[in-house]
Amino acid sequence: MQNLHRVRITRRAVVAASTTFATGLHAQSSRTIRLIVSFAAGSGNDQTARDLARYLSGFLKQPVSVENKPGGGGSIGTDAVVRSAPDGLTLGLGTSSQLVMNVGLFKSLPFDVDKDLRTIGLVSRANMVLVGRSTGPRTLKALIAEAKARPNQLSYGSGGIGSTSHIVGEAFAKAADIKINHVPYKGNGPALSDLAGEHVDLVFDGLATSLPMSLLGQVNLLAVSGTQRNQAAPGLATFAEQGLRGYEAYTWNCLIAPAQTPPEVMARINRALSESLAIPEMHARLVEKSGSEILAPSTPQEAEAFARRERERWVPFIRSLKLETA
C-alpha cells in the first residue's frame, strides 16, 4: 500500500509538471512577437515587414506586430534588437544598410553585427536602377559621355550619406571613370521628388518606386543592375548590356535576432519565414511588382555566410571613401 501510495504521488507530480510545461508553452506562443523595422513607416522595407508579419503570424500561430524605430541610418532599430531578450519575441528586418553599409561608414557602433546578432534567414534582393531626369540623356552611354565632357557638373541624389543609394552611386562613378556630385537627402523619396523636379540629374533607386514615375514621364530609367533584365521592366537594359560590365547596385534584407537566441527557436522562425515567402501573394508583390529576387529558402548558417561575404566586399570600399558622418 505504501508503494502504491508513492506511485500515485509520483504520477500526480508528473502530471502537474507536464501541465505546468504545457501552460508555459501556451503562454509563450500567445505572446506577441515584435518585428522591428529600422526605417520609417511607408518605406519599401516597412511594407515587406508588414507583409511578412501577416504570414509569419499564421505559420507561427502567434501574433506578429511591426514596430518602426528609424534613425541613425538603421542603427537605432538594430541596437533595439541587440538589446532585446534572446527569446524569439523580438526580431528585426535586417537590411544591407544596417548590416553592411553602417559597418563601413561609422567608426564605432553600439554593437558588433558579427557578435551581437544572428541572421535567421534571407528574404530578398533588389537590383537597383539608375534613374535620370526626364529631359536628361536617354541612354547610359550618352550619360557617361556627358559626365566626362562636364566633370563635376552632373549631380546625383541619395537617401543620405552612407546610404545604399549613396555608396552604389560612388561605385558607379568609379566604374564609369566619371566625376559627379553627391547631394544627400533624408531618404530616397525626397531625392526622387527633386529628380522629378529636375533639381538633381540622377538617383539610384528600386523599380517599385521608380518604374511608376517613369510610366508617368516624370523620370527616365537608364539601366538596371543584375546579370539579366528584370521581369518587372523587361525593356530596360542592364549595365552590362550597355558596356559597364562588373558593376552591381543592389539592396537585400533578412530576418535578424539577438545573438543568444536558441537554435531551436531560430529554426522554428526560419521554417515560418521560408513558408511565408513561398506564398504566391508574397512572390507576386516582391518579384512581379517590385522586381526583387526572393532569396529563400536559406538556413541561418547560409544567411550568416551571405552577410559576411557582403561585408567583405563592400566595407573596404566604403572605408576607402573616407566619408564624414555627423
Protein backbone atom coordinates (compact mmCIF):
# COMPACT_ATOMS: atom_id res chain seq x y z
CA MET A 1 0.00 0.00 0.00
CA GLN A 2 2.83 2.33 0.83
CA ASN A 3 4.50 1.67 -2.54
CA LEU A 4 1.17 2.21 -4.31
CA HIS A 5 0.76 5.50 -2.49
CA ARG A 6 4.23 6.55 -3.66
CA VAL A 7 3.37 5.63 -7.25
CA ARG A 8 0.21 7.75 -7.10
CA ILE A 9 2.18 10.72 -5.73
CA THR A 10 4.80 10.31 -8.47
CA ARG A 11 2.11 10.16 -11.17
CA ARG A 12 0.46 13.29 -9.79
CA ALA A 13 3.83 15.07 -9.79
CA VAL A 14 4.47 14.07 -13.40
CA VAL A 15 1.01 15.25 -14.48
CA ALA A 16 1.46 18.53 -12.61
CA ALA A 17 4.87 19.11 -14.17
CA SER A 18 3.54 18.30 -17.65
CA THR A 19 0.63 20.65 -17.16
CA THR A 20 2.94 23.43 -15.99
CA PHE A 21 5.24 22.89 -19.01
CA ALA A 22 2.30 22.90 -21.45
CA THR A 23 0.91 26.03 -19.84
CA GLY A 24 4.31 27.71 -20.18
CA LEU A 25 4.48 26.81 -23.87
CA HIS A 26 0.98 28.12 -24.44
CA ALA A 27 1.79 31.36 -22.63
CA GLN A 28 4.91 31.80 -24.77
CA SER A 29 3.10 31.06 -28.04
CA SER A 30 0.30 33.50 -27.19
CA ARG A 31 2.71 36.40 -26.68
CA THR A 32 3.19 38.91 -29.49
CA ILE A 33 6.42 38.89 -31.48
CA ARG A 34 7.86 42.33 -32.26
CA LEU A 35 9.32 42.74 -35.73
CA ILE A 36 11.46 45.88 -35.61
CA VAL A 37 11.92 47.90 -38.80
CA SER A 38 14.78 50.39 -38.64
CA PHE A 39 13.18 52.77 -41.14
CA ALA A 40 10.05 54.90 -41.29
CA ALA A 41 6.57 53.56 -41.95
CA GLY A 42 5.67 53.57 -45.62
CA SER A 43 9.14 52.62 -46.88
CA GLY A 44 9.75 49.57 -49.04
CA ASN A 45 11.31 47.70 -46.12
CA ASP A 46 8.35 48.61 -43.93
CA GLN A 47 5.91 47.18 -46.47
CA THR A 48 7.94 43.97 -46.77
CA ALA A 49 7.96 43.62 -42.98
CA ARG A 50 4.20 44.13 -42.73
CA ASP A 51 3.53 41.53 -45.41
CA LEU A 52 5.87 39.11 -43.68
CA ALA A 53 4.30 39.76 -40.27
CA ARG A 54 0.91 38.72 -41.58
CA TYR A 55 2.13 35.40 -42.94
CA LEU A 56 4.58 34.66 -40.13
CA SER A 57 1.77 35.08 -37.65
CA GLY A 58 -0.22 32.37 -39.40
CA PHE A 59 2.62 29.85 -39.61
CA LEU A 60 3.88 30.51 -36.10
CA LYS A 61 0.32 30.64 -34.71
CA GLN A 62 1.45 33.68 -32.79
CA PRO A 63 0.74 37.41 -33.21
CA VAL A 64 3.49 39.38 -35.01
CA SER A 65 3.45 43.18 -34.91
CA VAL A 66 5.69 45.62 -36.78
CA GLU A 67 7.42 48.35 -34.79
CA ASN A 68 9.23 51.19 -36.58
CA LYS A 69 12.40 52.57 -34.98
CA PRO A 70 14.01 54.84 -37.59
CA GLY A 71 17.18 56.86 -37.14
CA GLY A 72 20.95 56.59 -37.34
CA GLY A 73 20.84 55.00 -40.77
CA GLY A 74 19.16 52.00 -39.20
CA SER A 75 21.49 51.68 -36.20
CA ILE A 76 18.83 52.67 -33.64
CA GLY A 77 16.49 49.87 -34.64
CA THR A 78 19.37 47.41 -34.91
CA ASP A 79 20.51 48.28 -31.40
CA ALA A 80 16.97 47.69 -30.11
CA VAL A 81 17.13 44.14 -31.47
CA VAL A 82 20.59 43.56 -29.96
CA ARG A 83 19.44 44.69 -26.51
CA SER A 84 16.29 42.55 -26.50
CA ALA A 85 15.90 39.25 -24.67
CA PRO A 86 17.03 36.34 -26.90
CA ASP A 87 13.72 34.51 -26.60
CA GLY A 88 12.35 34.78 -30.14
CA LEU A 89 9.89 37.50 -29.17
CA THR A 90 11.92 40.33 -30.74
CA LEU A 91 13.12 40.10 -34.33
CA GLY A 92 14.39 42.66 -36.79
CA LEU A 93 14.17 43.16 -40.51
CA GLY A 94 17.86 43.46 -41.30
CA THR A 95 19.00 45.31 -44.41
CA SER A 96 22.24 45.87 -46.31
CA SER A 97 22.26 49.44 -44.93
CA GLN A 98 22.30 48.18 -41.34
CA LEU A 99 24.47 45.10 -41.68
CA VAL A 100 26.98 46.26 -44.31
CA MET A 101 26.96 49.98 -45.11
CA ASN A 102 26.91 51.17 -41.49
CA VAL A 103 29.82 48.88 -40.60
CA GLY A 104 31.97 50.64 -43.18
CA LEU A 105 30.55 54.10 -42.58
CA PHE A 106 30.76 54.56 -38.81
CA LYS A 107 33.99 54.39 -36.84
CA SER A 108 32.08 52.78 -33.99
CA LEU A 109 28.62 51.33 -33.44
CA PRO A 110 26.95 50.42 -30.13
CA PHE A 111 27.00 46.77 -31.23
CA ASP A 112 29.05 44.28 -33.25
CA VAL A 113 26.98 42.80 -36.08
CA ASP A 114 29.11 39.63 -36.09
CA LYS A 115 28.97 39.02 -32.34
CA ASP A 116 25.67 40.54 -31.21
CA LEU A 117 23.29 39.44 -33.96
CA ARG A 118 22.26 36.25 -35.72
CA THR A 119 20.66 36.04 -39.15
CA ILE A 120 17.58 33.80 -39.15
CA GLY A 121 17.19 33.70 -42.92
CA LEU A 122 17.40 35.76 -46.08
CA VAL A 123 14.31 37.47 -47.53
CA SER A 124 15.03 39.15 -50.87
CA ARG A 125 17.48 41.06 -53.03
CA ALA A 126 16.51 44.02 -55.20
CA ASN A 127 18.67 45.15 -58.09
CA MET A 128 18.74 48.94 -58.28
CA VAL A 129 18.06 51.21 -61.23
CA LEU A 130 19.92 54.30 -62.38
CA VAL A 131 17.16 56.88 -62.78
CA GLY A 132 17.71 60.11 -64.72
CA ARG A 133 15.70 63.31 -65.10
CA SER A 134 13.11 63.23 -67.86
CA THR A 135 14.93 65.81 -70.01
CA GLY A 136 18.39 64.31 -69.48
CA PRO A 137 20.41 61.81 -71.53
CA ARG A 138 18.28 58.91 -72.81
CA THR A 139 20.92 56.17 -72.60
CA LEU A 140 23.67 55.13 -70.20
CA LYS A 141 26.29 55.70 -72.90
CA ALA A 142 25.05 59.25 -73.50
CA LEU A 143 25.02 59.95 -69.76
CA ILE A 144 28.60 58.78 -69.28
CA ALA A 145 29.72 60.80 -72.30
CA GLU A 146 28.10 63.96 -70.88
CA ALA A 147 29.60 63.36 -67.43
CA LYS A 148 33.07 63.02 -68.95
CA ALA A 149 32.59 66.17 -71.02
CA ARG A 150 31.34 68.09 -67.96
CA PRO A 151 33.17 66.72 -64.88
CA ASN A 152 31.50 67.53 -61.55
CA GLN A 153 28.60 69.25 -63.31
CA LEU A 154 26.06 66.41 -63.03
CA SER A 155 24.61 65.54 -59.63
CA TYR A 156 23.02 62.50 -58.06
CA GLY A 157 20.69 62.45 -55.08
CA SER A 158 20.71 59.75 -52.42
CA GLY A 159 18.95 58.71 -49.25
CA GLY A 160 21.74 60.25 -47.20
CA ILE A 161 25.46 59.98 -46.54
CA GLY A 162 26.41 56.31 -46.32
CA SER A 163 23.04 55.08 -47.58
CA THR A 164 23.00 52.29 -50.13
CA SER A 165 21.94 54.71 -52.85
CA HIS A 166 24.96 56.87 -51.97
CA ILE A 167 27.51 54.04 -51.92
CA VAL A 168 26.37 52.46 -55.20
CA GLY A 169 26.50 55.95 -56.75
CA GLU A 170 30.15 56.30 -55.73
CA ALA A 171 30.85 52.81 -57.06
CA PHE A 172 29.17 53.76 -60.36
CA ALA A 173 31.31 56.89 -60.73
CA LYS A 174 34.42 54.80 -60.17
CA ALA A 175 33.34 52.05 -62.59
CA ALA A 176 32.43 54.57 -65.31
CA ASP A 177 35.51 56.74 -64.60
CA ILE A 178 33.44 59.90 -64.21
CA LYS A 179 33.09 62.66 -61.60
CA ILE A 180 29.59 63.51 -60.38
CA ASN A 181 28.42 65.48 -57.35
CA HIS A 182 26.60 63.81 -54.47
CA VAL A 183 23.51 65.51 -52.98
CA PRO A 184 22.29 63.77 -49.79
CA TYR A 185 18.61 63.77 -48.77
CA LYS A 186 16.71 62.41 -45.80
CA GLY A 187 15.58 59.34 -47.68
CA ASN A 188 15.28 58.30 -51.31
CA GLY A 189 11.72 59.60 -51.53
CA PRO A 190 12.72 63.29 -51.33
CA ALA A 191 15.62 62.61 -53.71
CA LEU A 192 13.24 61.16 -56.30
CA SER A 193 10.89 64.12 -55.88
CA ASP A 194 13.75 66.51 -56.59
CA LEU A 195 14.78 64.39 -59.57
CA ALA A 196 11.25 64.70 -60.98
CA GLY A 197 11.55 68.46 -60.41
CA GLU A 198 14.94 68.41 -62.18
CA HIS A 199 16.88 69.73 -59.20
CA VAL A 200 19.29 66.77 -59.48
CA ASP A 201 20.28 64.70 -62.51
CA LEU A 202 20.37 61.13 -61.20
CA VAL A 203 19.18 58.85 -58.39
CA PHE A 204 19.77 55.16 -57.73
CA ASP A 205 16.51 53.57 -56.65
CA GLY A 206 14.37 50.44 -56.84
CA LEU A 207 11.92 49.56 -59.58
CA ALA A 208 8.99 49.56 -57.15
CA THR A 209 9.12 53.35 -56.85
CA SER A 210 10.95 54.47 -59.99
CA LEU A 211 9.01 52.45 -62.57
CA PRO A 212 5.62 54.11 -61.86
CA MET A 213 7.27 57.53 -62.11
CA SER A 214 8.83 56.63 -65.46
CA LEU A 215 5.46 55.48 -66.82
CA LEU A 216 4.13 58.93 -65.95
CA GLY A 217 7.02 60.55 -67.81
CA GLN A 218 8.46 62.11 -64.65
CA VAL A 219 11.84 60.35 -64.84
CA ASN A 220 13.90 58.29 -67.28
CA LEU A 221 15.19 54.78 -66.44
CA LEU A 222 18.74 54.37 -67.79
CA ALA A 223 19.96 50.95 -66.63
CA VAL A 224 19.21 48.16 -64.17
CA SER A 225 21.69 46.09 -62.21
CA GLY A 226 21.82 42.31 -62.49
CA THR A 227 23.05 39.59 -64.80
CA GLN A 228 19.80 39.64 -66.78
CA ARG A 229 16.91 42.01 -67.39
CA ASN A 230 14.33 42.40 -64.68
CA GLN A 231 10.95 40.85 -65.38
CA ALA A 232 9.23 43.90 -63.88
CA ALA A 233 10.80 46.07 -66.63
CA PRO A 234 11.91 43.74 -69.45
CA GLY A 235 12.55 46.64 -71.83
CA LEU A 236 15.23 48.16 -69.58
CA ALA A 237 18.78 47.06 -70.46
CA THR A 238 21.30 46.10 -67.78
CA PHE A 239 24.53 47.98 -67.07
CA ALA A 240 26.48 45.06 -68.55
CA GLU A 241 24.45 45.09 -71.76
CA GLN A 242 25.33 48.76 -72.14
CA GLY A 243 29.04 48.23 -71.70
CA LEU A 244 29.54 48.69 -67.93
CA ARG A 245 30.45 45.11 -67.04
CA GLY A 246 31.22 44.07 -63.50
CA TYR A 247 29.18 46.85 -61.89
CA GLU A 248 26.39 45.94 -59.47
CA ALA A 249 23.95 48.01 -57.43
CA TYR A 250 21.50 46.22 -55.15
CA THR A 251 19.94 46.05 -51.73
CA TRP A 252 18.93 43.00 -49.71
CA ASN A 253 17.16 42.14 -46.49
CA CYS A 254 16.79 39.34 -43.96
CA LEU A 255 15.42 38.49 -40.53
CA ILE A 256 17.74 39.01 -37.56
CA ALA A 257 17.62 38.15 -33.86
CA PRO A 258 19.77 38.70 -30.75
CA ALA A 259 22.91 36.56 -30.76
CA GLN A 260 21.95 34.21 -27.91
CA THR A 261 18.59 33.18 -29.39
CA PRO A 262 18.35 29.37 -29.02
CA PRO A 263 18.96 27.33 -32.20
CA GLU A 264 15.57 25.60 -31.93
CA VAL A 265 13.83 28.99 -31.84
CA MET A 266 15.87 30.18 -34.83
CA ALA A 267 14.96 27.01 -36.74
CA ARG A 268 11.25 27.41 -35.99
CA ILE A 269 11.16 31.01 -37.24
CA ASN A 270 13.34 30.10 -40.23
CA ARG A 271 10.78 27.48 -41.31
CA ALA A 272 7.96 30.00 -40.96
CA LEU A 273 9.95 32.55 -42.99
CA SER A 274 10.52 30.08 -45.85
CA GLU A 275 6.85 29.12 -45.83
CA SER A 276 5.79 32.79 -45.85
CA LEU A 277 8.00 33.65 -48.82
CA ALA A 278 6.63 30.67 -50.77
CA ILE A 279 3.07 32.08 -50.68
CA PRO A 280 2.02 33.22 -54.19
CA GLU A 281 0.82 36.63 -52.97
CA MET A 282 4.21 37.32 -51.36
CA HIS A 283 6.01 36.19 -54.50
CA ALA A 284 3.81 38.44 -56.64
CA ARG A 285 4.50 41.52 -54.53
CA LEU A 286 8.24 41.05 -54.25
CA VAL A 287 9.05 39.64 -57.69
CA GLU A 288 6.39 40.80 -60.13
CA LYS A 289 5.63 44.24 -58.66
CA SER A 290 8.92 45.20 -57.02
CA GLY A 291 11.35 43.38 -59.32
CA SER A 292 13.09 41.68 -56.37
CA GLU A 293 14.59 38.21 -56.16
CA ILE A 294 13.45 36.00 -53.28
CA LEU A 295 16.48 34.51 -51.51
CA ALA A 296 14.60 31.87 -49.52
CA PRO A 297 14.87 29.15 -48.51
CA SER A 298 18.14 29.67 -46.68
CA THR A 299 19.39 28.22 -43.42
CA PRO A 300 20.64 30.53 -40.66
CA GLN A 301 24.17 29.37 -41.48
CA GLU A 302 23.77 30.20 -45.17
CA ALA A 303 22.29 33.59 -44.31
CA GLU A 304 25.20 34.37 -41.95
CA ALA A 305 27.71 33.43 -44.65
CA PHE A 306 25.91 35.64 -47.19
CA ALA A 307 26.06 38.66 -44.86
CA ARG A 308 29.76 38.09 -44.12
CA ARG A 309 30.59 37.95 -47.84
CA GLU A 310 28.72 41.22 -48.40
CA ARG A 311 30.72 42.93 -45.64
CA GLU A 312 33.98 41.56 -47.05
CA ARG A 313 33.08 43.01 -50.43
CA TRP A 314 31.68 46.45 -49.53
CA VAL A 315 33.17 47.57 -46.21
CA PRO A 316 36.73 48.14 -47.54
CA PHE A 317 35.33 50.19 -50.45
CA ILE A 318 33.15 52.31 -48.14
CA ARG A 319 36.09 52.99 -45.82
CA SER A 320 38.25 54.00 -48.79
CA LEU A 321 35.79 56.82 -49.50
CA LYS A 322 36.60 58.41 -46.12
CA LEU A 323 33.08 59.75 -45.74
CA GLU A 324 32.37 62.23 -42.95
CA THR A 325 29.40 61.37 -40.75
CA ALA A 326 27.56 63.59 -38.33
